[in-house]
Amino acid sequence: MKVCLISSSGGHMTELKQVVSALPKILSAKKYNYFFITMNRTDTHDMKNTYFMVDTSRNPFTIFWNFIQSIGLFFKTKPDIVITTGGGFSVPFCYIAKLFGKKIIVFESFCRIKSKSLSSRLLYPITNRFFVQWKESLSLWGKKTEYFSLIGEKFKVSFDNFKKAKKIFVTVGSSPYQFDRFIKFVDELAVKNKDKEFYCQIGASTYEPKNCKWVRYLNYEEYNKMIKESDFVISHAGAGSVISLVSNKKPFFLFPRLKKYKEIVNDHQLELYGLLTKKIIDKDLVKYFGGFNKDN
């Protein structure tokens, strides 16, 4: 059995890599092999057994080109099952595969709790199996919806975790959008916490920290190394980043990107932030960082 794992880069791909370890539970077949299809970005370009296609970017021309590439790759790879964690990037390939009678499995994004992603809304009618990653999301969808958590065991994060930390890793993920507001806040935070060492991954942000060491992007191995070597992580509220932090059992705090500041295309990160501050992150830590954003 040949399995195609397809998604856009960033958080969707982080989730998709978690799906790999869950394949024995999801698939009925004991023997299978798999390959990835994604876009060529910093966090994916060195992945093995991977095919690359153009990002749709909600642009008519790139959507059409993605569709043409999807046809070519489908006949080249001939998968039996297609599994996706979302992103509009994966929609054309899934519909082509369904047209030829292939099984489609969809995981709704980890960051979607009370709302539906566009890609899942488009794919739900053709899915053979559809998974949500929060029990709170089950009521949003139809009868064929199943619950499956990719993050495993949950844990608690306290203000003491931050106070005792010496090495702080700050990350905005692989998003192509700036997050200057966040980086400026962390730069000021570093001045107030001179006993701690801050290292920032600032991505497309135009503001460059004056009180922290920083880099724009890290590849997958470098990113995971920074998480493992840090005592505490301050991150944007992206699904991929949260999954990496939870799977590494790393204490963290989140800052959601907001659409009105042109930091993201929609406000879905607020959902994940709101849920995790209720379930995992204690009130003292929320209060300490609370001045960052009135929308929180």
Protein backbone atom coordinates (compact mmCIF):
# COMPACT_ATOMS: atom_id res chain seq x y z
CA MET A 1 0.00 0.00 0.00
CA LYS A 2 1.35 3.41 -0.99
CA VAL A 3 0.42 6.40 1.19
CA CYS A 4 0.73 10.04 0.12
CA LEU A 5 1.17 12.54 2.96
CA ILE A 6 0.45 16.02 1.62
CA SER A 7 0.25 19.47 3.21
CA SER A 8 1.66 22.96 3.00
CA SER A 9 4.84 23.76 4.95
CA GLY A 10 5.04 25.19 8.48
CA GLY A 11 2.49 24.06 11.06
CA HIS A 12 0.59 21.80 8.68
CA MET A 13 3.79 19.89 7.90
CA THR A 14 4.71 19.58 11.59
CA GLU A 15 1.31 17.99 12.15
CA LEU A 16 1.77 15.74 9.14
CA LYS A 17 5.05 14.41 10.52
CA GLN A 18 3.17 13.51 13.71
CA VAL A 19 0.70 11.57 11.55
CA VAL A 20 3.55 9.28 10.45
CA SER A 21 3.84 7.78 13.94
CA ALA A 22 0.06 7.37 14.03
CA LEU A 23 -0.18 5.49 10.73
CA PRO A 24 -0.30 2.00 12.34
CA LYS A 25 -3.42 3.08 14.25
CA ILE A 26 -5.07 4.80 11.28
CA LEU A 27 -4.42 2.30 8.48
CA SER A 28 -5.88 -1.18 8.40
CA ALA A 29 -2.91 -2.49 6.40
CA LYS A 30 0.20 -3.69 8.23
CA LYS A 31 2.48 -3.16 5.25
CA TYR A 32 2.73 0.26 3.65
CA ASN A 33 5.21 2.86 2.46
CA TYR A 34 4.73 6.60 2.35
CA PHE A 35 6.05 9.75 0.73
CA PHE A 36 5.48 13.50 1.24
CA ILE A 37 4.25 16.24 -1.06
CA THR A 38 4.73 19.82 0.09
CA MET A 39 6.14 23.21 -0.92
CA ASN A 40 9.85 23.96 -1.00
CA ARG A 41 10.52 26.12 2.06
CA THR A 42 13.19 26.49 4.76
CA ASP A 43 11.62 23.82 6.95
CA THR A 44 11.02 21.31 4.13
CA HIS A 45 13.74 21.63 1.47
CA ASP A 46 15.98 18.97 3.03
CA MET A 47 13.20 16.42 3.66
CA LYS A 48 13.77 12.97 2.17
CA ASN A 49 11.30 11.04 0.01
CA THR A 50 9.52 14.31 -0.81
CA TYR A 51 8.02 15.90 -3.92
CA PHE A 52 7.55 19.66 -4.18
CA MET A 53 4.80 21.75 -5.77
CA VAL A 54 4.07 25.46 -6.01
CA ASP A 55 2.22 27.17 -3.16
CA THR A 56 -1.34 28.16 -4.12
CA SER A 57 -1.25 31.38 -2.02
CA ARG A 58 -4.97 31.86 -2.84
CA ASN A 59 -3.85 33.21 -6.20
CA PRO A 60 -5.75 32.08 -9.35
CA PHE A 61 -2.57 31.55 -11.39
CA THR A 62 -0.72 29.54 -8.74
CA ILE A 63 -3.87 27.53 -7.94
CA PHE A 64 -4.08 26.56 -11.62
CA TRP A 65 -0.37 25.67 -11.73
CA ASN A 66 -0.74 23.66 -8.50
CA PHE A 67 -3.61 21.75 -10.16
CA ILE A 68 -1.48 20.92 -13.22
CA GLN A 69 1.38 19.77 -10.99
CA SER A 70 -1.05 17.70 -8.91
CA ILE A 71 -2.21 15.79 -12.00
CA GLY A 72 1.38 15.02 -12.97
CA LEU A 73 2.42 13.93 -9.49
CA PHE A 74 -0.68 11.80 -8.98
CA PHE A 75 0.07 9.70 -12.07
CA LYS A 76 3.77 9.61 -11.24
CA THR A 77 3.32 8.44 -7.62
CA LYS A 78 0.03 6.48 -7.91
CA PRO A 79 -0.92 6.50 -4.19
CA ASP A 80 -3.60 4.23 -2.73
CA ILE A 81 -4.39 6.59 0.16
CA VAL A 82 -3.95 10.37 0.51
CA ILE A 83 -3.64 11.87 4.00
CA THR A 84 -3.55 15.61 4.60
CA THR A 85 -3.41 17.97 7.56
CA GLY A 86 -4.64 20.82 5.46
CA GLY A 87 -3.67 23.97 3.69
CA GLY A 88 -5.23 24.94 0.36
CA PHE A 89 -2.08 23.55 -1.24
CA SER A 90 -3.39 19.98 -0.80
CA VAL A 91 -6.98 20.42 -2.06
CA PRO A 92 -6.47 19.89 -5.84
CA PHE A 93 -4.39 16.74 -5.31
CA CYS A 94 -7.03 15.25 -2.99
CA TYR A 95 -9.85 15.88 -5.48
CA ILE A 96 -7.84 14.32 -8.32
CA ALA A 97 -7.09 11.26 -6.16
CA LYS A 98 -10.78 10.94 -5.21
CA LEU A 99 -11.77 11.14 -8.87
CA PHE A 100 -9.71 7.99 -9.43
CA GLY A 101 -11.24 6.17 -6.48
CA LYS A 102 -8.49 6.68 -3.91
CA LYS A 103 -9.15 6.90 -0.17
CA ILE A 104 -8.90 10.40 1.38
CA ILE A 105 -8.11 10.98 5.08
CA VAL A 106 -8.14 14.49 6.52
CA PHE A 107 -6.92 15.84 9.87
CA GLU A 108 -8.43 19.21 10.75
CA SER A 109 -5.75 21.63 11.93
CA PHE A 110 -4.68 21.44 15.57
CA CYS A 111 -5.36 25.17 15.92
CA ARG A 112 -9.03 24.86 14.90
CA ILE A 113 -11.30 24.40 17.90
CA LYS A 114 -14.45 26.48 17.39
CA SER A 115 -14.15 27.21 13.67
CA LYS A 116 -13.54 25.30 10.44
CA SER A 117 -10.53 25.77 8.18
CA LEU A 118 -11.22 26.50 4.51
CA SER A 119 -9.32 23.44 3.29
CA SER A 120 -11.28 21.12 5.61
CA ARG A 121 -14.58 22.62 4.49
CA LEU A 122 -13.58 21.96 0.88
CA LEU A 123 -12.39 18.42 1.55
CA TYR A 124 -14.98 17.17 4.05
CA PRO A 125 -17.50 16.06 1.36
CA ILE A 126 -14.96 13.70 -0.25
CA THR A 127 -13.23 12.29 2.85
CA ASN A 128 -13.39 8.64 3.81
CA ARG A 129 -12.25 9.51 7.32
CA PHE A 130 -12.16 12.94 8.96
CA PHE A 131 -10.35 13.62 12.24
CA VAL A 132 -10.48 16.58 14.65
CA GLN A 133 -7.81 17.02 17.31
CA TRP A 134 -9.98 18.48 20.06
CA LYS A 135 -13.11 16.92 21.53
CA GLU A 136 -14.60 20.42 21.60
CA SER A 137 -14.57 20.36 17.79
CA LEU A 138 -16.64 17.21 17.28
CA SER A 139 -19.96 19.07 17.29
CA LEU A 140 -18.84 21.33 14.39
CA TRP A 141 -18.85 18.53 11.84
CA GLY A 142 -21.02 15.61 10.70
CA LYS A 143 -21.41 12.02 11.85
CA LYS A 144 -18.29 10.67 10.15
CA THR A 145 -16.06 12.91 12.27
CA GLU A 146 -13.60 11.17 14.61
CA TYR A 147 -11.42 12.43 17.44
CA PHE A 148 -7.69 11.73 17.30
CA SER A 149 -5.07 13.71 19.24
CA LEU A 150 -1.62 14.02 17.68
CA ILE A 151 -0.02 15.65 20.73
CA GLY A 152 -0.47 12.82 23.22
CA GLU A 153 -0.01 13.57 26.93
CA LYS A 154 -0.85 17.09 28.10
CA PHE A 155 1.08 18.94 30.79
CA LYS A 156 0.97 22.19 32.79
CA VAL A 157 3.11 25.30 32.38
CA SER A 158 3.61 27.65 35.33
CA PHE A 159 5.13 31.07 35.97
CA ASP A 160 7.89 29.29 37.92
CA ASN A 161 8.99 27.63 34.68
CA PHE A 162 9.71 31.06 33.23
CA LYS A 163 11.28 32.51 36.40
CA LYS A 164 13.76 29.64 36.70
CA ALA A 165 14.63 29.56 33.01
CA LYS A 166 18.03 30.79 31.85
CA LYS A 167 17.85 30.09 28.11
CA ILE A 168 14.78 31.48 26.32
CA PHE A 169 14.07 30.58 22.71
CA VAL A 170 11.71 32.92 20.84
CA THR A 171 10.14 31.81 17.55
CA VAL A 172 7.70 33.22 14.99
CA GLY A 173 7.69 30.00 12.94
CA SER A 174 8.03 29.85 9.15
CA SER A 175 5.20 32.24 8.32
CA PRO A 176 5.89 34.67 5.45
CA TYR A 177 4.23 37.48 7.45
CA GLN A 178 5.98 39.92 9.81
CA PHE A 179 5.44 39.80 13.57
CA ASP A 180 7.21 43.04 14.54
CA ARG A 181 4.84 43.68 17.45
CA PHE A 182 5.90 40.43 19.08
CA ILE A 183 9.64 40.83 18.49
CA LYS A 184 9.59 44.37 19.91
CA PHE A 185 7.83 43.09 23.03
CA VAL A 186 10.41 40.32 23.51
CA ASP A 187 13.25 42.80 22.99
CA GLU A 188 11.83 44.90 25.85
CA LEU A 189 11.28 41.76 27.92
CA ALA A 190 14.98 40.91 27.59
CA VAL A 191 15.89 44.24 29.21
CA LYS A 192 13.66 43.44 32.20
CA ASN A 193 15.13 39.92 32.52
CA LYS A 194 18.88 40.39 32.22
CA ASP A 195 19.51 37.13 34.07
CA LYS A 196 18.16 35.26 31.04
CA GLU A 197 19.61 34.69 27.59
CA PHE A 198 17.12 35.35 24.76
CA TYR A 199 17.60 33.93 21.28
CA CYS A 200 15.05 35.04 18.67
CA GLN A 201 14.01 33.53 15.35
CA ILE A 202 12.33 36.55 13.73
CA GLY A 203 11.32 35.29 10.27
CA ALA A 204 9.94 38.00 7.97
CA SER A 205 9.75 40.63 10.73
CA THR A 206 11.36 43.95 9.80
CA TYR A 207 12.19 44.87 13.42
CA GLU A 208 15.60 43.55 14.43
CA PRO A 209 16.17 42.94 18.17
CA LYS A 210 18.71 45.14 19.93
CA ASN A 211 18.91 43.20 23.20
CA CYS A 212 18.81 39.61 21.93
CA LYS A 213 20.75 37.35 19.63
CA TRP A 214 18.67 36.58 16.58
CA VAL A 215 18.36 34.78 13.27
CA ARG A 216 15.69 34.97 10.58
CA TYR A 217 15.11 31.30 9.84
CA LEU A 218 16.19 27.90 11.09
CA ASN A 219 15.95 24.58 9.29
CA TYR A 220 14.08 21.67 10.86
CA GLU A 221 17.11 20.24 12.69
CA GLU A 222 18.29 23.65 13.96
CA TYR A 223 14.78 24.52 15.14
CA ASN A 224 14.40 21.27 17.10
CA LYS A 225 17.86 21.69 18.59
CA MET A 226 16.97 25.17 19.87
CA ILE A 227 13.78 23.85 21.47
CA LYS A 228 15.59 20.98 23.19
CA GLU A 229 18.44 23.17 24.47
CA SER A 230 16.22 25.97 25.81
CA ASP A 231 14.60 26.12 29.25
CA PHE A 232 11.53 27.99 28.06
CA VAL A 233 10.04 28.92 24.67
CA ILE A 234 8.02 32.00 23.73
CA SER A 235 6.25 31.40 20.46
CA HIS A 236 3.58 32.58 18.08
CA ALA A 237 0.42 30.50 18.52
CA GLY A 238 0.93 28.37 15.43
CA ALA A 239 -0.19 24.75 15.51
CA GLY A 240 3.14 23.39 14.32
CA SER A 241 5.09 25.25 16.98
CA VAL A 242 2.74 24.11 19.75
CA ILE A 243 2.93 20.47 18.65
CA SER A 244 6.75 20.65 18.67
CA LEU A 245 6.73 22.15 22.15
CA VAL A 246 4.26 19.66 23.62
CA SER A 247 5.97 16.64 22.04
CA ASN A 248 9.29 17.85 23.55
CA LYS A 249 7.56 18.58 26.89
CA LYS A 250 8.98 22.10 26.80
CA PRO A 251 7.42 24.89 28.95
CA PHE A 252 6.10 27.68 26.75
CA PHE A 253 3.94 30.75 26.35
CA LEU A 254 2.08 31.80 23.20
CA PHE A 255 1.38 35.10 21.46
CA PRO A 256 -1.32 34.92 18.76
CA ARG A 257 -0.81 36.69 15.46
CA LEU A 258 -3.68 38.99 14.45
CA LYS A 259 -5.11 39.75 11.04
CA LYS A 260 -5.73 43.45 11.73
CA TYR A 261 -1.97 44.00 12.15
CA LYS A 262 -1.27 42.07 8.91
CA GLU A 263 0.50 39.32 10.83
CA ILE A 264 -1.62 36.48 9.41
CA VAL A 265 -4.54 35.89 7.00
CA ASN A 266 -7.12 35.22 9.76
CA ASP A 267 -7.41 35.11 13.56
CA HIS A 268 -7.41 31.34 14.07
CA GLN A 269 -4.41 31.55 16.44
CA LEU A 270 -6.65 33.22 19.00
CA GLU A 271 -8.62 29.96 19.30
CA LEU A 272 -5.57 27.89 20.18
CA TYR A 273 -4.24 30.57 22.54
CA GLY A 274 -7.57 30.77 24.36
CA LEU A 275 -7.91 27.02 24.81
CA LEU A 276 -4.33 26.40 25.96
CA THR A 277 -4.37 29.25 28.47
CA LYS A 278 -7.36 27.51 30.05
CA LYS A 279 -6.06 23.95 29.92
CA ILE A 280 -2.27 24.11 30.17
CA ILE A 281 -0.86 27.57 31.02
CA ASP A 282 -1.42 28.95 34.54
CA LYS A 283 -3.01 32.32 35.31
CA ASP A 284 0.15 33.91 36.76
CA LEU A 285 2.02 33.38 33.50
CA VAL A 286 -0.91 34.77 31.49
CA LYS A 287 -1.01 37.81 33.79
CA TYR A 288 2.74 38.41 33.44
CA PHE A 289 2.60 38.47 29.64
CA GLY A 290 -0.93 39.86 29.47
CA GLY A 291 0.03 43.42 28.62
CA PHE A 292 1.14 42.40 25.14
CA ASN A 293 -2.23 42.30 23.48
CA LYS A 294 -5.61 43.70 24.52
CA ASP A 295 -7.26 41.30 22.07
CA ASN A 296 -6.14 38.38 24.25
